[in-house]
Amino acid sequence: MSVYITKEIPVSSHIKKYLKYTFGSTYTFNQKDFFGKLITSVFKKGYRKRVVVKCDDIYTIKLKAYQVKILGNLIEWEECVSLNKAIDSFFRRQVFFHMDMNRKLDKDNSYPAMVQCLFEMDITEDDINYDSLYRDYKRKCSYPKTTRKKINYESDNNAA
């Protein structure tokens, strides 16, 4: 029987709901999944509090004692806000992918798809502003907008 140590990281409310949707109410540290790799990379790079991020909630991570030694005990987990920014990037990619797929299949506005995806994760307008997330999607819009010219095959056949 192994004893776990719990650490709490500061996160935004929409990130907490995203992590709860993805991993459950608490996350057991594993270096093989994306969140474990993300935590490891942040701690290996070293911690510097460069940006001020609004972190109004906490998310609990369970680690074994040897894993805490690997990551380093000198870093204050309560002040590690760079994890919030990295998780937010993953969150946005997932929502944007969902919107892209809806746009590709339905040729419809992607705003209802975004609202449906956020509803599935139990993220409300109080957690994140839907309009600002949609504007961010429009800026990044990973679905390529191309204007392809149609090939006129008849002109090629006449030339031969």
C-alpha atoms as a PDB file:
ATOM      1  CA  MET A   1       0.000   0.000   0.000  1.00  0.00           C
ATOM      2  CA  SER A   2       1.474   3.285  -1.053  1.00  0.00           C
ATOM      3  CA  VAL A   3       0.716   6.574   0.608  1.00  0.00           C
ATOM      4  CA  TYR A   4      -0.116   9.541  -1.575  1.00  0.00           C
ATOM      5  CA  ILE A   5       0.791  13.144  -0.938  1.00  0.00           C
ATOM      6  CA  THR A   6      -1.772  15.659  -2.129  1.00  0.00           C
ATOM      7  CA  LYS A   7      -0.727  18.910  -3.738  1.00  0.00           C
ATOM      8  CA  GLU A   8      -3.033  21.684  -4.814  1.00  0.00           C
ATOM      9  CA  ILE A   9      -2.410  23.808  -7.880  1.00  0.00           C
ATOM     10  CA  PRO A  10      -4.134  27.121  -8.546  1.00  0.00           C
ATOM     11  CA  VAL A  11      -6.348  27.076 -11.626  1.00  0.00           C
ATOM     12  CA  SER A  12      -9.129  29.099 -13.184  1.00  0.00           C
ATOM     13  CA  SER A  13     -12.675  27.861 -12.674  1.00  0.00           C
ATOM     14  CA  HIS A  14     -13.080  26.725 -16.294  1.00  0.00           C
ATOM     15  CA  ILE A  15      -9.761  24.850 -16.116  1.00  0.00           C
ATOM     16  CA  LYS A  16     -10.881  23.086 -12.934  1.00  0.00           C
ATOM     17  CA  LYS A  17     -14.068  21.950 -14.648  1.00  0.00           C
ATOM     18  CA  TYR A  18     -12.084  20.839 -17.701  1.00  0.00           C
ATOM     19  CA  LEU A  19      -9.692  18.818 -15.516  1.00  0.00           C
ATOM     20  CA  LYS A  20     -12.619  17.392 -13.571  1.00  0.00           C
ATOM     21  CA  TYR A  21     -14.254  16.368 -16.862  1.00  0.00           C
ATOM     22  CA  THR A  22     -11.017  14.824 -18.150  1.00  0.00           C
ATOM     23  CA  PHE A  23      -9.466  13.217 -15.041  1.00  0.00           C
ATOM     24  CA  GLY A  24     -12.077  13.310 -12.275  1.00  0.00           C
ATOM     25  CA  SER A  25     -12.154  15.285  -9.035  1.00  0.00           C
ATOM     26  CA  THR A  26      -8.518  14.436  -8.217  1.00  0.00           C
ATOM     27  CA  TYR A  27      -5.675  13.508 -10.516  1.00  0.00           C
ATOM     28  CA  THR A  28      -3.233  10.722  -9.665  1.00  0.00           C
ATOM     29  CA  PHE A  29       0.135  11.700 -11.104  1.00  0.00           C
ATOM     30  CA  ASN A  30       1.324   9.589 -14.012  1.00  0.00           C
ATOM     31  CA  GLN A  31       4.292  10.572 -16.162  1.00  0.00           C
ATOM     32  CA  LYS A  32       2.872   8.794 -19.204  1.00  0.00           C
ATOM     33  CA  ASP A  33      -0.264  10.856 -19.897  1.00  0.00           C
ATOM     34  CA  PHE A  34      -0.355  14.399 -21.247  1.00  0.00           C
ATOM     35  CA  PHE A  35      -1.059  16.090 -17.910  1.00  0.00           C
ATOM     36  CA  GLY A  36       1.770  14.254 -16.150  1.00  0.00           C
ATOM     37  CA  LYS A  37       4.165  15.167 -18.963  1.00  0.00           C
ATOM     38  CA  LEU A  38       3.011  18.766 -18.756  1.00  0.00           C
ATOM     39  CA  ILE A  39       3.611  18.929 -14.998  1.00  0.00           C
ATOM     40  CA  THR A  40       7.044  17.338 -15.388  1.00  0.00           C
ATOM     41  CA  SER A  41       8.096  19.749 -18.143  1.00  0.00           C
ATOM     42  CA  VAL A  42       6.982  22.812 -16.160  1.00  0.00           C
ATOM     43  CA  PHE A  43       8.909  21.681 -13.089  1.00  0.00           C
ATOM     44  CA  LYS A  44      12.038  20.723 -15.040  1.00  0.00           C
ATOM     45  CA  LYS A  45      12.200  24.132 -16.705  1.00  0.00           C
ATOM     46  CA  GLY A  46      12.104  25.821 -13.356  1.00  0.00           C
ATOM     47  CA  TYR A  47       9.533  28.108 -11.935  1.00  0.00           C
ATOM     48  CA  ARG A  48       9.429  31.835 -12.469  1.00  0.00           C
ATOM     49  CA  LYS A  49       6.316  33.818 -11.760  1.00  0.00           C
ATOM     50  CA  ARG A  50       6.280  36.004 -14.846  1.00  0.00           C
ATOM     51  CA  VAL A  51       2.625  36.538 -15.528  1.00  0.00           C
ATOM     52  CA  VAL A  52      -0.303  37.298 -13.313  1.00  0.00           C
ATOM     53  CA  VAL A  53      -3.110  34.868 -14.019  1.00  0.00           C
ATOM     54  CA  LYS A  54      -6.491  34.912 -12.347  1.00  0.00           C
ATOM     55  CA  CYS A  55      -6.590  31.618 -10.495  1.00  0.00           C
ATOM     56  CA  ASP A  56      -9.679  31.543  -8.344  1.00  0.00           C
ATOM     57  CA  ASP A  57      -9.901  27.810  -7.719  1.00  0.00           C
ATOM     58  CA  ILE A  58      -7.663  24.838  -6.862  1.00  0.00           C
ATOM     59  CA  TYR A  59      -7.270  21.334  -8.313  1.00  0.00           C
ATOM     60  CA  THR A  60      -5.898  18.423  -6.308  1.00  0.00           C
ATOM     61  CA  ILE A  61      -3.099  16.182  -7.528  1.00  0.00           C
ATOM     62  CA  LYS A  62      -2.061  12.989  -5.735  1.00  0.00           C
ATOM     63  CA  LEU A  63       1.622  12.002  -5.888  1.00  0.00           C
ATOM     64  CA  LYS A  64       3.781   9.376  -4.279  1.00  0.00           C
ATOM     65  CA  ALA A  65       6.711  10.498  -2.137  1.00  0.00           C
ATOM     66  CA  TYR A  66       9.372   9.567  -4.708  1.00  0.00           C
ATOM     67  CA  GLN A  67       7.478  11.520  -7.408  1.00  0.00           C
ATOM     68  CA  VAL A  68       7.589  14.642  -5.258  1.00  0.00           C
ATOM     69  CA  LYS A  69      11.371  14.209  -4.989  1.00  0.00           C
ATOM     70  CA  ILE A  70      11.648  13.843  -8.762  1.00  0.00           C
ATOM     71  CA  LEU A  71       9.697  17.041  -9.397  1.00  0.00           C
ATOM     72  CA  GLY A  72      11.439  18.916  -6.648  1.00  0.00           C
ATOM     73  CA  ASN A  73      10.246  19.952  -3.265  1.00  0.00           C
ATOM     74  CA  LEU A  74      11.600  23.492  -3.519  1.00  0.00           C
ATOM     75  CA  ILE A  75       8.867  24.724  -5.819  1.00  0.00           C
ATOM     76  CA  GLU A  76       5.778  26.120  -4.185  1.00  0.00           C
ATOM     77  CA  TRP A  77       2.846  24.328  -5.769  1.00  0.00           C
ATOM     78  CA  GLU A  78       0.434  27.036  -4.681  1.00  0.00           C
ATOM     79  CA  GLU A  79       2.234  29.626  -6.793  1.00  0.00           C
ATOM     80  CA  CYS A  80       2.762  27.559  -9.948  1.00  0.00           C
ATOM     81  CA  VAL A  81       0.393  29.447 -12.236  1.00  0.00           C
ATOM     82  CA  SER A  82       2.228  28.477 -15.418  1.00  0.00           C
ATOM     83  CA  LEU A  83       0.409  25.131 -15.312  1.00  0.00           C
ATOM     84  CA  ASN A  84      -2.890  26.981 -15.616  1.00  0.00           C
ATOM     85  CA  LYS A  85      -1.744  28.705 -18.790  1.00  0.00           C
ATOM     86  CA  ALA A  86      -0.517  25.450 -20.342  1.00  0.00           C
ATOM     87  CA  ILE A  87      -3.724  23.582 -19.472  1.00  0.00           C
ATOM     88  CA  ASP A  88      -5.762  26.459 -20.888  1.00  0.00           C
ATOM     89  CA  SER A  89      -3.919  25.982 -24.176  1.00  0.00           C
ATOM     90  CA  PHE A  90      -4.910  22.287 -24.253  1.00  0.00           C
ATOM     91  CA  PHE A  91      -8.478  23.186 -23.312  1.00  0.00           C
ATOM     92  CA  ARG A  92      -8.771  25.690 -26.151  1.00  0.00           C
ATOM     93  CA  ARG A  93      -7.293  23.241 -28.658  1.00  0.00           C
ATOM     94  CA  GLN A  94      -9.873  20.636 -27.714  1.00  0.00           C
ATOM     95  CA  VAL A  95     -12.788  23.058 -27.978  1.00  0.00           C
ATOM     96  CA  PHE A  96     -11.468  24.463 -31.276  1.00  0.00           C
ATOM     97  CA  PHE A  97     -11.074  20.947 -32.687  1.00  0.00           C
ATOM     98  CA  HIS A  98     -14.689  20.222 -31.789  1.00  0.00           C
ATOM     99  CA  MET A  99     -15.750  23.430 -33.525  1.00  0.00           C
ATOM    100  CA  ASP A 100     -13.670  22.605 -36.614  1.00  0.00           C
ATOM    101  CA  MET A 101     -15.216  19.160 -36.912  1.00  0.00           C
ATOM    102  CA  ASN A 102     -18.705  20.591 -36.665  1.00  0.00           C
ATOM    103  CA  ARG A 103     -17.856  23.209 -39.276  1.00  0.00           C
ATOM    104  CA  LYS A 104     -16.432  20.607 -41.620  1.00  0.00           C
ATOM    105  CA  LEU A 105     -19.376  18.216 -41.294  1.00  0.00           C
ATOM    106  CA  ASP A 106     -22.322  20.591 -41.079  1.00  0.00           C
ATOM    107  CA  LYS A 107     -21.026  23.674 -42.908  1.00  0.00           C
ATOM    108  CA  ASP A 108     -22.735  25.541 -40.113  1.00  0.00           C
ATOM    109  CA  ASN A 109     -21.826  28.233 -37.642  1.00  0.00           C
ATOM    110  CA  SER A 110     -19.416  26.844 -35.067  1.00  0.00           C
ATOM    111  CA  TYR A 111     -20.757  28.896 -32.147  1.00  0.00           C
ATOM    112  CA  PRO A 112     -23.509  26.378 -31.244  1.00  0.00           C
ATOM    113  CA  ALA A 113     -20.896  23.598 -31.353  1.00  0.00           C
ATOM    114  CA  MET A 114     -18.723  25.544 -28.925  1.00  0.00           C
ATOM    115  CA  VAL A 115     -21.650  26.071 -26.554  1.00  0.00           C
ATOM    116  CA  GLN A 116     -22.512  22.355 -26.752  1.00  0.00           C
ATOM    117  CA  CYS A 117     -18.904  21.341 -26.043  1.00  0.00           C
ATOM    118  CA  LEU A 118     -18.702  23.678 -23.041  1.00  0.00           C
ATOM    119  CA  PHE A 119     -22.095  22.455 -21.801  1.00  0.00           C
ATOM    120  CA  GLU A 120     -20.765  18.881 -21.943  1.00  0.00           C
ATOM    121  CA  MET A 121     -17.852  19.914 -19.695  1.00  0.00           C
ATOM    122  CA  ASP A 122     -20.255  21.807 -17.387  1.00  0.00           C
ATOM    123  CA  ILE A 123     -18.529  25.126 -18.135  1.00  0.00           C
ATOM    124  CA  THR A 124     -20.875  28.092 -17.915  1.00  0.00           C
ATOM    125  CA  GLU A 125     -20.739  31.714 -18.976  1.00  0.00           C
ATOM    126  CA  ASP A 126     -19.679  32.571 -15.400  1.00  0.00           C
ATOM    127  CA  ASP A 127     -16.519  30.474 -15.817  1.00  0.00           C
ATOM    128  CA  ILE A 128     -15.406  31.792 -19.210  1.00  0.00           C
ATOM    129  CA  ASN A 129     -16.842  34.376 -21.550  1.00  0.00           C
ATOM    130  CA  TYR A 130     -18.241  32.507 -24.555  1.00  0.00           C
ATOM    131  CA  ASP A 131     -17.885  35.481 -26.875  1.00  0.00           C
ATOM    132  CA  SER A 132     -14.208  36.006 -26.087  1.00  0.00           C
ATOM    133  CA  LEU A 133     -13.532  32.281 -26.603  1.00  0.00           C
ATOM    134  CA  TYR A 134     -15.329  32.444 -29.952  1.00  0.00           C
ATOM    135  CA  ARG A 135     -13.320  35.534 -30.970  1.00  0.00           C
ATOM    136  CA  ASP A 136     -10.135  33.672 -30.038  1.00  0.00           C
ATOM    137  CA  TYR A 137     -11.281  30.803 -32.256  1.00  0.00           C
ATOM    138  CA  LYS A 138     -11.943  33.179 -35.129  1.00  0.00           C
ATOM    139  CA  ARG A 139      -8.446  34.658 -34.750  1.00  0.00           C
ATOM    140  CA  LYS A 140      -6.731  31.290 -34.716  1.00  0.00           C
ATOM    141  CA  CYS A 141      -9.265  29.430 -36.872  1.00  0.00           C
ATOM    142  CA  SER A 142      -7.356  26.223 -37.419  1.00  0.00           C
ATOM    143  CA  TYR A 143      -9.735  25.158 -40.188  1.00  0.00           C
ATOM    144  CA  PRO A 144      -8.035  26.448 -43.345  1.00  0.00           C
ATOM    145  CA  LYS A 145      -9.930  28.905 -45.459  1.00  0.00           C
ATOM    146  CA  THR A 146      -8.903  28.225 -49.019  1.00  0.00           C
ATOM    147  CA  THR A 147     -10.205  29.503 -52.278  1.00  0.00           C
ATOM    148  CA  ARG A 148      -9.361  26.824 -54.740  1.00  0.00           C
ATOM    149  CA  LYS A 149      -9.891  27.368 -58.414  1.00  0.00           C
ATOM    150  CA  LYS A 150     -11.813  24.685 -60.200  1.00  0.00           C
ATOM    151  CA  ILE A 151      -9.878  22.914 -62.892  1.00  0.00           C
ATOM    152  CA  ASN A 152     -11.385  23.104 -66.329  1.00  0.00           C
ATOM    153  CA  TYR A 153     -10.826  19.608 -67.704  1.00  0.00           C
ATOM    154  CA  GLU A 154     -12.453  20.418 -71.039  1.00  0.00           C
ATOM    155  CA  SER A 155      -9.717  22.892 -71.957  1.00  0.00           C
ATOM    156  CA  ASP A 156      -7.067  20.189 -71.357  1.00  0.00           C
ATOM    157  CA  ASN A 157      -8.887  17.712 -73.587  1.00  0.00           C
ATOM    158  CA  ASN A 158      -9.212  20.268 -76.406  1.00  0.00           C
ATOM    159  CA  ALA A 159      -5.488  21.021 -76.334  1.00  0.00           C
ATOM    160  CA  ALA A 160      -4.551  17.383 -76.977  1.00  0.00           C
END
